[in-house]
């Protein structure tokens, strides 16, 4: 059986989680990374040096680094953030290294390739565009937020929803992104901040069309929690509606992958104090925009509400392998199935049996 080509589309945090899990799977991984980050260390380097923001690229490179003593040290260095020193405070070493490599080589792509070599990554990391562009959001009251950081960090008028987002100026796709999408067996959209990490990729010229035209199985990994500044009050169908809208298609995504692990009350209370709540699954509405819904125990243990990379990778690979060669069969009825105890009785007779050990949310 040939190795599957999997393209993961998003920003830094969501892509990092997905790539970390999939790195140990037998597949060819490509990360397509949004280039609109304007805050923190990335934003400073973007503004001061005129580079593309390196932070999300850095996170994806770290996720794909090989497991060895040397690479683990480099991964720690890439993630190290200075907490003192005028000019250095707030910068991460990895961002500075990518900036220096860009200056030395004179080319962003060469800098990424050299960083990938240093880390010994398994996979490919591609900026979605080489165009320096600013993400802007128009709110329903007609006001506008300029810059990814302004959208991501807004704390006022949170009851005023985002109407739409756009790029200024128009951004043109980095051609290898189209090649990766065309050869993909699966395209993963999310998790990640919907307006500031996932959708900006779809605003880049030709990306949405390429995804629509791809024969790959298309999977949306839904966020665990809402964010008051972007997705307050969202259900799963709201995320799907935005994706289908910005993809510019009436065709549903193939799969919606959601968590079904109960979140501990102590964590819910802490997140509720910040205006964040679990994303609720509205089955009927979601099935108008996703062919199938897969519920899996995806919650990581610990003091934060995050996806478990290994469980997420397991869920993705189960879908990809069960769906092999039969994605477009006629007469497939939208189905909700639970992975706690099931076989997958669909898609040209393919079956998928889940070991109970694989369904452990820990």
Protein backbone atom coordinates (compact mmCIF):
# COMPACT_ATOMS: atom_id res chain seq x y z
CA UNK A 1 0.00 0.00 0.00
CA UNK A 2 1.43 3.38 -1.01
CA UNK A 3 2.11 6.09 1.52
CA UNK A 4 -0.67 8.65 1.70
CA UNK A 5 -0.03 12.29 0.86
CA UNK A 6 -1.61 14.43 3.57
CA UNK A 7 -1.78 18.23 3.39
CA UNK A 8 -2.47 20.11 6.62
CA UNK A 9 -3.77 23.67 6.19
CA UNK A 10 -3.73 26.22 8.99
CA UNK A 11 -1.48 28.36 11.14
CA UNK A 12 1.05 27.53 13.82
CA UNK A 13 -0.72 26.10 16.85
CA UNK A 14 -3.33 23.92 15.13
CA UNK A 15 -0.93 22.67 12.48
CA UNK A 16 1.65 21.92 15.17
CA UNK A 17 -0.78 19.63 16.99
CA UNK A 18 -1.86 17.77 13.86
CA UNK A 19 1.66 17.42 12.48
CA UNK A 20 3.03 16.23 15.82
CA UNK A 21 0.56 13.37 15.79
CA UNK A 22 0.85 12.49 12.12
CA UNK A 23 4.66 12.62 12.11
CA UNK A 24 4.86 9.05 13.38
CA UNK A 25 2.36 7.77 10.81
CA UNK A 26 3.34 6.20 7.50
CA UNK A 27 2.45 9.17 5.31
CA UNK A 28 3.95 12.05 3.36
CA UNK A 29 3.17 15.27 5.22
CA UNK A 30 2.96 18.79 3.84
CA UNK A 31 2.08 21.78 6.01
CA UNK A 32 0.53 24.77 4.24
CA UNK A 33 0.98 27.73 6.54
CA UNK A 34 -0.79 31.10 6.71
CA UNK A 35 1.49 34.11 6.32
CA UNK A 36 -0.59 36.82 8.00
CA UNK A 37 0.71 36.71 11.59
CA UNK A 38 1.30 40.29 12.73
CA UNK A 39 1.74 39.98 16.49
CA UNK A 40 4.57 39.25 18.90
CA UNK A 41 8.03 38.27 17.71
CA UNK A 42 6.79 37.39 14.21
CA UNK A 43 5.11 40.74 13.77
CA UNK A 44 8.19 42.64 14.92
CA UNK A 45 10.45 40.80 12.47
CA UNK A 46 7.89 41.26 9.72
CA UNK A 47 7.71 45.00 10.31
CA UNK A 48 11.38 45.67 11.05
CA UNK A 49 13.01 43.44 8.43
CA UNK A 50 10.31 43.19 5.79
CA UNK A 51 10.28 39.39 6.03
CA UNK A 52 7.36 37.02 6.00
CA UNK A 53 6.33 36.25 9.60
CA UNK A 54 8.38 33.23 10.74
CA UNK A 55 6.50 32.09 13.86
CA UNK A 56 3.95 29.73 12.32
CA UNK A 57 6.59 28.28 9.99
CA UNK A 58 8.81 27.68 13.02
CA UNK A 59 6.04 25.83 14.86
CA UNK A 60 5.41 23.54 11.90
CA UNK A 61 9.11 22.83 11.45
CA UNK A 62 9.39 21.93 15.13
CA UNK A 63 6.44 19.56 14.89
CA UNK A 64 8.07 17.64 12.05
CA UNK A 65 11.53 17.39 13.63
CA UNK A 66 12.84 13.86 13.98
CA UNK A 67 13.05 12.20 17.39
CA UNK A 68 16.72 12.18 18.30
CA UNK A 69 18.81 13.71 21.06
CA UNK A 70 20.25 16.27 18.67
CA UNK A 71 16.89 17.18 17.12
CA UNK A 72 15.21 17.36 20.52
CA UNK A 73 17.81 19.92 21.61
CA UNK A 74 17.29 21.89 18.41
CA UNK A 75 13.53 21.74 18.94
CA UNK A 76 13.99 23.22 22.41
CA UNK A 77 16.23 25.93 20.99
CA UNK A 78 13.74 26.77 18.26
CA UNK A 79 11.05 27.17 20.91
CA UNK A 80 13.21 29.15 23.36
CA UNK A 81 11.89 32.65 23.98
CA UNK A 82 14.02 35.41 25.45
CA UNK A 83 12.48 37.02 28.54
CA UNK A 84 15.01 39.80 29.05
CA UNK A 85 17.35 42.03 27.12
CA UNK A 86 16.48 45.17 25.23
CA UNK A 87 15.54 44.19 21.69
CA UNK A 88 15.60 40.45 22.44
CA UNK A 89 12.78 40.32 24.98
CA UNK A 90 9.84 38.40 23.52
CA UNK A 91 11.70 37.01 20.53
CA UNK A 92 12.02 33.27 20.04
CA UNK A 93 15.36 31.83 18.99
CA UNK A 94 13.74 29.96 16.12
CA UNK A 95 12.20 33.12 14.71
CA UNK A 96 15.54 34.91 14.90
CA UNK A 97 17.30 31.99 13.22
CA UNK A 98 14.78 31.93 10.37
CA UNK A 99 15.19 35.70 10.00
CA UNK A 100 18.98 35.36 9.96
CA UNK A 101 18.83 32.52 7.42
CA UNK A 102 16.62 34.67 5.22
CA UNK A 103 19.14 37.53 5.44
CA UNK A 104 22.12 35.25 4.74
CA UNK A 105 20.55 33.29 1.88
CA UNK A 106 18.47 36.17 0.56
CA UNK A 107 15.48 33.88 0.15
CA UNK A 108 12.64 32.79 2.43
CA UNK A 109 12.29 29.34 0.88
CA UNK A 110 16.01 28.60 1.16
CA UNK A 111 15.85 29.71 4.79
CA UNK A 112 12.99 27.27 5.46
CA UNK A 113 14.86 24.47 3.69
CA UNK A 114 18.01 25.10 5.74
CA UNK A 115 16.02 25.18 8.99
CA UNK A 116 14.36 21.92 7.94
CA UNK A 117 17.79 20.38 7.36
CA UNK A 118 19.03 21.55 10.77
CA UNK A 119 16.01 20.01 12.49
CA UNK A 120 16.00 16.88 10.35
CA UNK A 121 12.30 17.14 9.61
CA UNK A 122 10.15 14.45 8.03
CA UNK A 123 7.83 16.28 5.69
CA UNK A 124 7.54 19.62 3.94
CA UNK A 125 6.63 23.07 5.24
CA UNK A 126 5.29 25.56 2.69
CA UNK A 127 4.23 29.16 3.17
CA UNK A 128 0.89 29.56 1.42
CA UNK A 129 2.19 32.74 -0.23
CA UNK A 130 5.34 34.80 -0.56
CA UNK A 131 3.28 37.98 -0.78
CA UNK A 132 3.46 40.32 2.20
CA UNK A 133 -0.21 40.91 2.85
CA UNK A 134 -2.29 42.18 5.76
CA UNK A 135 -5.32 40.35 7.10
CA UNK A 136 -8.31 42.65 7.63
CA UNK A 137 -11.70 41.94 9.20
CA UNK A 138 -14.90 43.87 8.53
CA UNK A 139 -17.33 43.68 11.45
CA UNK A 140 -21.10 43.62 11.07
CA UNK A 141 -21.31 47.22 12.35
CA UNK A 142 -19.13 48.38 9.43
CA UNK A 143 -15.93 48.93 11.42
CA UNK A 144 -12.69 47.28 10.35
CA UNK A 145 -9.82 45.61 12.16
CA UNK A 146 -6.46 45.81 10.39
CA UNK A 147 -3.89 43.12 11.06
CA UNK A 148 -4.10 39.57 12.37
CA UNK A 149 -3.11 40.70 15.87
CA UNK A 150 -5.93 43.25 15.98
CA UNK A 151 -8.42 40.48 15.20
CA UNK A 152 -6.85 37.88 17.47
CA UNK A 153 -6.41 40.16 20.47
CA UNK A 154 -9.49 42.36 20.32
CA UNK A 155 -11.16 42.71 23.71
CA UNK A 156 -13.82 45.36 23.06
CA UNK A 157 -17.26 45.08 21.45
CA UNK A 158 -17.07 41.29 21.39
CA UNK A 159 -20.81 41.17 20.76
CA UNK A 160 -20.10 42.66 17.31
CA UNK A 161 -19.40 39.68 15.06
CA UNK A 162 -16.99 39.47 12.16
CA UNK A 163 -18.78 39.87 8.84
CA UNK A 164 -15.93 38.86 6.54
CA UNK A 165 -12.14 38.92 6.21
CA UNK A 166 -9.92 39.89 3.29
CA UNK A 167 -6.26 40.38 2.39
CA UNK A 168 -4.68 43.71 1.48
CA UNK A 169 -3.03 43.56 -0.96
CA UNK A 170 -4.13 40.45 -2.85
CA UNK A 171 -1.83 37.50 -2.14
CA UNK A 172 -0.65 35.03 -4.78
CA UNK A 173 -0.12 31.38 -4.04
CA UNK A 174 3.35 29.89 -3.73
CA UNK A 175 3.16 27.40 -6.65
CA UNK A 176 4.36 24.27 -4.79
CA UNK A 177 1.27 24.62 -2.60
CA UNK A 178 -0.90 23.89 -5.64
CA UNK A 179 1.24 20.87 -6.49
CA UNK A 180 0.85 19.52 -2.95
CA UNK A 181 -2.92 19.99 -3.02
CA UNK A 182 -3.23 18.35 -6.44
CA UNK A 183 -1.36 15.24 -5.29
CA UNK A 184 -3.00 15.01 -1.86
CA UNK A 185 -4.94 11.98 -0.67
CA UNK A 186 -6.29 14.00 2.26
CA UNK A 187 -6.55 17.70 3.06
CA UNK A 188 -6.95 18.63 6.72
CA UNK A 189 -8.52 22.02 7.50
CA UNK A 190 -8.09 22.98 11.15
CA UNK A 191 -7.95 22.91 14.05
CA UNK A 192 -6.97 26.49 14.75
CA UNK A 193 -8.42 29.97 14.99
CA UNK A 194 -10.88 30.02 12.14
CA UNK A 195 -10.53 33.65 11.07
CA UNK A 196 -6.83 34.18 11.78
CA UNK A 197 -5.22 30.80 11.06
CA UNK A 198 -7.35 28.63 8.77
CA UNK A 199 -9.37 30.92 6.50
CA UNK A 200 -6.47 33.26 5.57
CA UNK A 201 -5.03 30.39 3.52
CA UNK A 202 -8.24 30.22 1.49
CA UNK A 203 -8.04 33.95 0.70
CA UNK A 204 -4.81 33.46 -1.23
CA UNK A 205 -5.36 33.42 -4.99
CA UNK A 206 -6.10 29.93 -6.41
CA UNK A 207 -5.92 28.02 -3.10
CA UNK A 208 -9.66 27.56 -2.58
CA UNK A 209 -10.16 26.52 -6.21
CA UNK A 210 -7.33 24.00 -5.96
CA UNK A 211 -8.86 22.44 -2.85
CA UNK A 212 -12.27 22.28 -4.50
CA UNK A 213 -10.83 20.59 -7.58
CA UNK A 214 -8.72 18.13 -5.62
CA UNK A 215 -9.81 14.50 -5.39
CA UNK A 216 -8.48 14.36 -1.83
CA UNK A 217 -10.75 13.53 1.07
CA UNK A 218 -11.39 16.81 2.87
CA UNK A 219 -11.56 16.74 6.66
CA UNK A 220 -12.37 19.57 9.04
CA UNK A 221 -10.99 19.07 12.54
CA UNK A 222 -13.24 21.23 14.66
CA UNK A 223 -11.91 23.31 17.53
CA UNK A 224 -12.60 22.16 21.06
CA UNK A 225 -13.54 25.60 22.37
CA UNK A 226 -14.98 28.85 21.09
CA UNK A 227 -13.09 32.15 21.29
CA UNK A 228 -15.04 35.29 22.15
CA UNK A 229 -13.13 37.49 19.70
CA UNK A 230 -13.62 35.15 16.71
CA UNK A 231 -16.11 32.38 17.30
CA UNK A 232 -18.25 33.25 20.30
CA UNK A 233 -21.39 31.11 20.38
CA UNK A 234 -20.28 28.96 17.44
CA UNK A 235 -21.55 25.43 16.86
CA UNK A 236 -19.82 22.94 14.57
CA UNK A 237 -22.06 24.03 11.70
CA UNK A 238 -20.84 27.62 12.00
CA UNK A 239 -17.26 26.54 11.38
CA UNK A 240 -18.37 24.40 8.44
CA UNK A 241 -20.42 27.26 7.01
CA UNK A 242 -17.39 29.54 7.02
CA UNK A 243 -15.20 26.92 5.37
CA UNK A 244 -17.67 26.18 2.60
CA UNK A 245 -18.26 29.91 2.11
CA UNK A 246 -14.57 30.77 1.76
CA UNK A 247 -13.95 27.69 -0.34
CA UNK A 248 -16.66 29.05 -2.63
CA UNK A 249 -18.42 25.75 -3.04
CA UNK A 250 -21.80 24.26 -2.29
CA UNK A 251 -20.25 20.81 -2.10
CA UNK A 252 -19.93 19.60 1.48
CA UNK A 253 -16.64 18.65 3.04
CA UNK A 254 -16.23 14.90 3.29
CA UNK A 255 -15.75 14.61 7.04
CA UNK A 256 -16.15 16.56 10.25
CA UNK A 257 -13.92 15.20 13.03
CA UNK A 258 -15.02 16.22 16.54
CA UNK A 259 -14.12 15.41 20.13
CA UNK A 260 -16.48 13.40 22.30
CA UNK A 261 -14.41 13.24 25.48
CA UNK A 262 -16.16 15.04 28.35
CA UNK A 263 -14.17 18.06 29.52
CA UNK A 264 -13.58 18.22 33.30
CA UNK A 265 -15.73 20.80 35.08
CA UNK A 266 -12.73 22.49 36.66
CA UNK A 267 -11.33 23.26 33.21
CA UNK A 268 -14.69 24.40 31.87
CA UNK A 269 -15.04 26.85 34.76
CA UNK A 270 -11.58 28.29 34.17
CA UNK A 271 -12.16 28.73 30.44
CA UNK A 272 -15.65 30.14 30.97
CA UNK A 273 -14.08 32.94 32.99
CA UNK A 274 -12.30 33.90 29.74
CA UNK A 275 -15.48 33.65 27.68
CA UNK A 276 -14.54 30.32 26.09
CA UNK A 277 -16.99 27.43 25.90
CA UNK A 278 -17.05 23.98 24.26
CA UNK A 279 -18.06 23.94 20.60
CA UNK A 280 -21.41 22.19 20.47
CA UNK A 281 -22.11 19.58 17.80
CA UNK A 282 -25.34 20.36 15.97
CA UNK A 283 -25.72 17.19 13.97
CA UNK A 284 -28.55 17.97 11.56
CA UNK A 285 -27.18 21.33 10.45
CA UNK A 286 -23.60 20.07 10.25
CA UNK A 287 -24.61 17.19 7.98
CA UNK A 288 -25.77 19.70 5.38
CA UNK A 289 -22.12 20.76 5.03
CA UNK A 290 -20.17 17.60 5.90
CA UNK A 291 -20.83 14.20 4.39
CA UNK A 292 -20.03 12.39 7.62
CA UNK A 293 -19.37 13.21 11.25
CA UNK A 294 -16.76 11.25 13.16
CA UNK A 295 -16.76 11.51 16.94
CA UNK A 296 -13.51 10.53 18.65
CA UNK A 297 -11.96 10.96 22.10
CA UNK A 298 -9.54 13.72 21.12
CA UNK A 299 -8.98 15.59 24.39
CA UNK A 300 -5.44 15.67 25.79
CA UNK A 301 -4.96 15.16 29.52
CA UNK A 302 -3.63 18.06 31.55
CA UNK A 303 -4.50 21.53 32.75
CA UNK A 304 -5.33 22.95 29.32
CA UNK A 305 -8.08 22.06 26.87
CA UNK A 306 -6.17 20.84 23.86
CA UNK A 307 -6.28 18.12 21.24
CA UNK A 308 -4.30 14.98 21.93
CA UNK A 309 -1.91 14.76 18.94
CA UNK A 310 -1.79 10.96 18.92
CA UNK A 311 -5.57 10.57 19.17
CA UNK A 312 -6.08 13.21 16.50
CA UNK A 313 -3.67 11.46 14.15
CA UNK A 314 -5.42 8.14 14.81
CA UNK A 315 -8.79 9.63 13.92
CA UNK A 316 -7.45 11.23 10.75
CA UNK A 317 -5.69 8.08 9.55
CA UNK A 318 -8.73 5.92 10.25
CA UNK A 319 -10.78 8.17 7.99
CA UNK A 320 -8.12 8.30 5.28
CA UNK A 321 -7.55 4.55 5.17
CA UNK A 322 -11.23 3.58 5.38
CA UNK A 323 -12.04 6.09 2.67
CA UNK A 324 -9.38 4.87 0.24
CA UNK A 325 -10.50 4.78 -3.35
CA UNK A 326 -14.20 5.14 -2.60
CA UNK A 327 -14.71 8.74 -1.63
CA UNK A 328 -16.93 9.57 -4.57
CA UNK A 329 -19.11 6.47 -4.61
CA UNK A 330 -22.73 7.31 -5.32
CA UNK A 331 -25.45 6.83 -2.78
CA UNK A 332 -23.43 7.45 0.36
CA UNK A 333 -25.84 8.47 3.10
CA UNK A 334 -24.56 10.98 5.67
CA UNK A 335 -23.87 9.05 8.85
CA UNK A 336 -22.86 9.87 12.40
CA UNK A 337 -20.75 7.17 14.00
CA UNK A 338 -18.98 6.87 17.31
CA UNK A 339 -15.49 5.39 17.50
CA UNK A 340 -15.84 3.94 21.00
CA UNK A 341 -17.11 0.64 19.59
CA UNK A 342 -17.85 0.32 15.91
CA UNK A 343 -16.95 -1.01 12.53
CA UNK A 344 -17.24 1.31 9.58
CA UNK A 345 -19.77 -0.38 7.26
CA UNK A 346 -19.53 2.06 4.40
CA UNK A 347 -17.48 3.03 1.38
CA UNK A 348 -17.34 0.03 -0.95
CA UNK A 349 -17.34 -2.54 1.82
CA UNK A 350 -14.32 -1.11 3.64
CA UNK A 351 -14.42 -1.80 7.34
CA UNK A 352 -12.55 -0.26 10.19
CA UNK A 353 -12.32 -1.89 13.59
CA UNK A 354 -11.15 0.30 16.43
CA UNK A 355 -9.15 -1.26 19.24
CA UNK A 356 -10.36 -0.11 22.63
CA UNK A 357 -6.84 1.05 23.45
CA UNK A 358 -7.04 3.53 20.59
CA UNK A 359 -10.13 5.15 22.03
CA UNK A 360 -8.55 6.06 25.34
CA UNK A 361 -8.57 9.86 25.59
CA UNK A 362 -5.44 9.78 27.76
